[in-house]
Amino acid sequence: MKKVEAGIPCYFCGEGIIAPRNLRGSVLQYRDEREIPVEGDVFVPTCDACGESLLDEETSKALDTVLEPAYRRLRSERVQHELSSVLSALGITQGDLERLLGLSPGYVSKLIKGKRVAETPLYRFVHLLNANPKFGLHALADVAPIDDLLAATKA
């Protein structure tokens, strides 16, 4: 795509002018998150009437570069909260939770410390487990060898 330096008529709505707009301070959907803040300068050709943006490969990469750190930070904070809540609600150890979820030893610790970022399926599953920990634990008992964890949570 040709760089848009000066305003040109919008070929989407026919009413506005397309000109570079700095997205710093905006909030965008990114990956599987609804709201990620744009914390750096990224200029995107945008229509002042309809809001249509023109993204080329270079602009998309610039947006990814700015959005990825904010995404990772937000995801890490949410996972830390969700994991801490589940551990507390169930009264189990990080090792128990790793076994329950089929994770490698030490993985929950890395998530809680922010050294790893949970992928979407794990994040969503932990969120669901957190919504009703006891129910989730009993539901998992149907597919995972966790009878000892069930006994421990009844005590």
C-alpha atoms as a PDB file:
ATOM      1  CA  MET A   1       0.000   0.000   0.000  1.00  0.00           C
ATOM      2  CA  LYS A   2       1.163   3.497  -0.786  1.00  0.00           C
ATOM      3  CA  LYS A   3       2.085   5.673   2.225  1.00  0.00           C
ATOM      4  CA  VAL A   4      -0.541   8.286   3.048  1.00  0.00           C
ATOM      5  CA  GLU A   5       1.300  11.458   4.036  1.00  0.00           C
ATOM      6  CA  ALA A   6      -1.293  14.107   3.213  1.00  0.00           C
ATOM      7  CA  GLY A   7      -5.061  13.875   3.336  1.00  0.00           C
ATOM      8  CA  ILE A   8      -6.788  12.136   0.452  1.00  0.00           C
ATOM      9  CA  PRO A   9     -10.539  11.643  -0.069  1.00  0.00           C
ATOM     10  CA  CYS A  10     -11.907   8.536   1.630  1.00  0.00           C
ATOM     11  CA  TYR A  11     -12.838   5.885  -0.901  1.00  0.00           C
ATOM     12  CA  PHE A  12     -14.917   4.016   1.712  1.00  0.00           C
ATOM     13  CA  CYS A  13     -17.463   6.693   2.631  1.00  0.00           C
ATOM     14  CA  GLY A  14     -16.658   9.354   0.045  1.00  0.00           C
ATOM     15  CA  GLU A  15     -17.148  12.072   2.653  1.00  0.00           C
ATOM     16  CA  GLY A  16     -14.043  12.219   4.803  1.00  0.00           C
ATOM     17  CA  ILE A  17     -10.331  12.692   4.410  1.00  0.00           C
ATOM     18  CA  ILE A  18      -7.821   9.904   5.047  1.00  0.00           C
ATOM     19  CA  ALA A  19      -4.770  11.160   6.920  1.00  0.00           C
ATOM     20  CA  PRO A  20      -2.280   9.676   9.386  1.00  0.00           C
ATOM     21  CA  ARG A  21      -3.703   9.496  12.911  1.00  0.00           C
ATOM     22  CA  ASN A  22      -1.670   8.651  16.000  1.00  0.00           C
ATOM     23  CA  LEU A  23      -3.372   5.799  17.886  1.00  0.00           C
ATOM     24  CA  ARG A  24      -1.440   6.394  21.133  1.00  0.00           C
ATOM     25  CA  GLY A  25      -3.992   6.473  23.943  1.00  0.00           C
ATOM     26  CA  SER A  26      -6.546   4.472  21.967  1.00  0.00           C
ATOM     27  CA  VAL A  27      -7.865   1.121  23.087  1.00  0.00           C
ATOM     28  CA  LEU A  28      -8.018  -1.651  20.483  1.00  0.00           C
ATOM     29  CA  GLN A  29      -9.090  -5.255  20.265  1.00  0.00           C
ATOM     30  CA  TYR A  30      -5.966  -7.398  19.992  1.00  0.00           C
ATOM     31  CA  ARG A  31      -5.749 -11.148  19.735  1.00  0.00           C
ATOM     32  CA  ASP A  32      -8.431 -12.458  22.070  1.00  0.00           C
ATOM     33  CA  GLU A  33      -8.635  -9.397  24.327  1.00  0.00           C
ATOM     34  CA  ARG A  34     -11.296  -6.755  23.812  1.00  0.00           C
ATOM     35  CA  GLU A  35      -9.354  -3.799  25.145  1.00  0.00           C
ATOM     36  CA  ILE A  36      -5.601  -3.333  24.881  1.00  0.00           C
ATOM     37  CA  PRO A  37      -4.192   0.177  25.286  1.00  0.00           C
ATOM     38  CA  VAL A  38      -1.975   1.585  22.557  1.00  0.00           C
ATOM     39  CA  GLU A  39       0.971   2.812  24.617  1.00  0.00           C
ATOM     40  CA  GLY A  40       3.251   4.011  21.833  1.00  0.00           C
ATOM     41  CA  ASP A  41       3.128   6.174  18.744  1.00  0.00           C
ATOM     42  CA  VAL A  42       1.634   4.395  15.753  1.00  0.00           C
ATOM     43  CA  PHE A  43       0.348   6.457  12.853  1.00  0.00           C
ATOM     44  CA  VAL A  44      -2.428   4.808  10.872  1.00  0.00           C
ATOM     45  CA  PRO A  45      -4.115   6.355   7.833  1.00  0.00           C
ATOM     46  CA  THR A  46      -7.691   6.889   9.051  1.00  0.00           C
ATOM     47  CA  CYS A  47     -10.782   8.591   7.643  1.00  0.00           C
ATOM     48  CA  ASP A  48     -11.943  11.519   9.772  1.00  0.00           C
ATOM     49  CA  ALA A  49     -15.598  10.851   8.848  1.00  0.00           C
ATOM     50  CA  CYS A  50     -16.182   7.095   8.890  1.00  0.00           C
ATOM     51  CA  GLY A  51     -13.137   6.010  10.943  1.00  0.00           C
ATOM     52  CA  GLU A  52     -12.014   3.404   8.411  1.00  0.00           C
ATOM     53  CA  SER A  53      -8.306   2.623   8.784  1.00  0.00           C
ATOM     54  CA  LEU A  54      -5.903   1.528   6.090  1.00  0.00           C
ATOM     55  CA  LEU A  55      -3.448  -1.058   7.348  1.00  0.00           C
ATOM     56  CA  ASP A  56      -0.529  -2.304   5.337  1.00  0.00           C
ATOM     57  CA  GLU A  57       2.026  -4.866   6.487  1.00  0.00           C
ATOM     58  CA  GLU A  58       4.383  -2.255   7.916  1.00  0.00           C
ATOM     59  CA  THR A  59       1.630  -0.533   9.920  1.00  0.00           C
ATOM     60  CA  SER A  60       0.311  -3.880  11.164  1.00  0.00           C
ATOM     61  CA  LYS A  61       3.785  -4.833  12.388  1.00  0.00           C
ATOM     62  CA  ALA A  62       4.141  -1.459  14.125  1.00  0.00           C
ATOM     63  CA  LEU A  63       0.800  -2.013  15.874  1.00  0.00           C
ATOM     64  CA  ASP A  64       1.829  -5.528  16.937  1.00  0.00           C
ATOM     65  CA  THR A  65       5.087  -4.154  18.336  1.00  0.00           C
ATOM     66  CA  VAL A  66       3.191  -1.644  20.467  1.00  0.00           C
ATOM     67  CA  LEU A  67       0.247  -3.871  21.486  1.00  0.00           C
ATOM     68  CA  GLU A  68       2.086  -7.116  22.319  1.00  0.00           C
ATOM     69  CA  PRO A  69       3.791  -5.908  25.540  1.00  0.00           C
ATOM     70  CA  ALA A  70       0.515  -4.465  26.864  1.00  0.00           C
ATOM     71  CA  TYR A  71      -1.294  -7.697  25.931  1.00  0.00           C
ATOM     72  CA  ARG A  72       1.283  -9.854  27.716  1.00  0.00           C
ATOM     73  CA  ARG A  73       1.187  -7.648  30.817  1.00  0.00           C
ATOM     74  CA  LEU A  74      -2.624  -7.661  30.987  1.00  0.00           C
ATOM     75  CA  ARG A  75      -2.854 -11.406  30.380  1.00  0.00           C
ATOM     76  CA  SER A  76      -0.195 -12.075  33.017  1.00  0.00           C
ATOM     77  CA  GLU A  77      -1.996  -9.933  35.617  1.00  0.00           C
ATOM     78  CA  ARG A  78      -5.322 -11.649  34.934  1.00  0.00           C
ATOM     79  CA  VAL A  79      -3.861 -15.143  35.064  1.00  0.00           C
ATOM     80  CA  GLN A  80      -2.023 -14.371  38.304  1.00  0.00           C
ATOM     81  CA  HIS A  81      -5.289 -13.244  39.888  1.00  0.00           C
ATOM     82  CA  GLU A  82      -7.287 -16.207  38.550  1.00  0.00           C
ATOM     83  CA  LEU A  83      -4.702 -18.768  39.653  1.00  0.00           C
ATOM     84  CA  SER A  84      -4.335 -17.285  43.125  1.00  0.00           C
ATOM     85  CA  SER A  85      -8.113 -17.307  43.547  1.00  0.00           C
ATOM     86  CA  VAL A  86      -8.448 -20.936  42.426  1.00  0.00           C
ATOM     87  CA  LEU A  87      -5.621 -22.103  44.685  1.00  0.00           C
ATOM     88  CA  SER A  88      -7.152 -20.299  47.640  1.00  0.00           C
ATOM     89  CA  ALA A  89     -10.725 -21.433  46.947  1.00  0.00           C
ATOM     90  CA  LEU A  90      -9.742 -25.085  46.582  1.00  0.00           C
ATOM     91  CA  GLY A  91      -7.046 -25.080  49.237  1.00  0.00           C
ATOM     92  CA  ILE A  92      -4.632 -26.932  46.967  1.00  0.00           C
ATOM     93  CA  THR A  93      -0.977 -26.437  46.094  1.00  0.00           C
ATOM     94  CA  GLN A  94       0.483 -25.228  42.810  1.00  0.00           C
ATOM     95  CA  GLY A  95       1.663 -28.785  42.182  1.00  0.00           C
ATOM     96  CA  ASP A  96      -1.875 -30.096  42.720  1.00  0.00           C
ATOM     97  CA  LEU A  97      -3.215 -27.568  40.232  1.00  0.00           C
ATOM     98  CA  GLU A  98      -0.538 -28.526  37.696  1.00  0.00           C
ATOM     99  CA  ARG A  99      -1.542 -32.165  38.021  1.00  0.00           C
ATOM    100  CA  LEU A 100      -5.217 -31.243  37.830  1.00  0.00           C
ATOM    101  CA  LEU A 101      -4.735 -29.271  34.615  1.00  0.00           C
ATOM    102  CA  GLY A 102      -2.104 -31.554  33.077  1.00  0.00           C
ATOM    103  CA  LEU A 103       0.641 -28.930  33.233  1.00  0.00           C
ATOM    104  CA  SER A 104       4.373 -29.401  33.632  1.00  0.00           C
ATOM    105  CA  PRO A 105       5.832 -29.134  37.143  1.00  0.00           C
ATOM    106  CA  GLY A 106       6.699 -25.521  37.931  1.00  0.00           C
ATOM    107  CA  TYR A 107       4.494 -24.056  35.203  1.00  0.00           C
ATOM    108  CA  VAL A 108       1.923 -22.525  37.583  1.00  0.00           C
ATOM    109  CA  SER A 109       4.737 -20.885  39.527  1.00  0.00           C
ATOM    110  CA  LYS A 110       6.058 -19.320  36.306  1.00  0.00           C
ATOM    111  CA  LEU A 111       2.568 -18.054  35.467  1.00  0.00           C
ATOM    112  CA  ILE A 112       2.058 -16.553  38.918  1.00  0.00           C
ATOM    113  CA  LYS A 113       5.474 -14.861  38.819  1.00  0.00           C
ATOM    114  CA  GLY A 114       4.763 -13.475  35.352  1.00  0.00           C
ATOM    115  CA  LYS A 115       7.624 -15.386  33.749  1.00  0.00           C
ATOM    116  CA  ARG A 116       5.240 -17.107  31.322  1.00  0.00           C
ATOM    117  CA  VAL A 117       2.021 -15.952  29.679  1.00  0.00           C
ATOM    118  CA  ALA A 118      -0.855 -18.410  29.576  1.00  0.00           C
ATOM    119  CA  GLU A 119      -2.208 -19.269  26.175  1.00  0.00           C
ATOM    120  CA  THR A 120      -5.877 -18.538  25.578  1.00  0.00           C
ATOM    121  CA  PRO A 121      -7.331 -22.025  26.225  1.00  0.00           C
ATOM    122  CA  LEU A 122      -5.572 -22.325  29.600  1.00  0.00           C
ATOM    123  CA  TYR A 123      -6.526 -18.781  30.592  1.00  0.00           C
ATOM    124  CA  ARG A 124     -10.170 -19.385  29.730  1.00  0.00           C
ATOM    125  CA  PHE A 125     -10.236 -22.733  31.490  1.00  0.00           C
ATOM    126  CA  VAL A 126      -8.742 -21.312  34.684  1.00  0.00           C
ATOM    127  CA  HIS A 127     -11.284 -18.487  34.490  1.00  0.00           C
ATOM    128  CA  LEU A 128     -14.128 -21.030  34.271  1.00  0.00           C
ATOM    129  CA  LEU A 129     -12.622 -23.102  37.071  1.00  0.00           C
ATOM    130  CA  ASN A 130     -12.433 -19.954  39.176  1.00  0.00           C
ATOM    131  CA  ALA A 131     -16.127 -19.197  38.565  1.00  0.00           C
ATOM    132  CA  ASN A 132     -17.120 -22.331  40.488  1.00  0.00           C
ATOM    133  CA  PRO A 133     -14.009 -24.092  41.843  1.00  0.00           C
ATOM    134  CA  LYS A 134     -15.697 -26.997  43.653  1.00  0.00           C
ATOM    135  CA  PHE A 135     -17.951 -27.796  40.698  1.00  0.00           C
ATOM    136  CA  GLY A 136     -14.976 -27.569  38.320  1.00  0.00           C
ATOM    137  CA  LEU A 137     -12.924 -29.883  40.503  1.00  0.00           C
ATOM    138  CA  HIS A 138     -15.694 -32.489  40.572  1.00  0.00           C
ATOM    139  CA  ALA A 139     -16.237 -32.180  36.812  1.00  0.00           C
ATOM    140  CA  LEU A 140     -12.516 -32.751  36.210  1.00  0.00           C
ATOM    141  CA  ALA A 141     -12.624 -35.862  38.381  1.00  0.00           C
ATOM    142  CA  ASP A 142     -14.485 -37.553  35.522  1.00  0.00           C
ATOM    143  CA  VAL A 143     -11.461 -37.228  33.231  1.00  0.00           C
ATOM    144  CA  ALA A 144      -8.449 -36.892  35.541  1.00  0.00           C
ATOM    145  CA  PRO A 145      -7.040 -39.131  38.307  1.00  0.00           C
ATOM    146  CA  ILE A 146      -7.593 -36.664  41.162  1.00  0.00           C
ATOM    147  CA  ASP A 147      -9.490 -38.643  43.803  1.00  0.00           C
ATOM    148  CA  ASP A 148      -6.982 -37.537  46.443  1.00  0.00           C
ATOM    149  CA  LEU A 149      -7.701 -33.866  45.647  1.00  0.00           C
ATOM    150  CA  LEU A 150     -11.430 -34.471  45.946  1.00  0.00           C
ATOM    151  CA  ALA A 151     -10.925 -36.064  49.351  1.00  0.00           C
ATOM    152  CA  ALA A 152      -8.714 -33.185  50.499  1.00  0.00           C
ATOM    153  CA  THR A 153     -11.274 -30.529  49.533  1.00  0.00           C
ATOM    154  CA  LYS A 154     -14.053 -32.318  51.428  1.00  0.00           C
ATOM    155  CA  ALA A 155     -12.077 -32.197  54.660  1.00  0.00           C
END
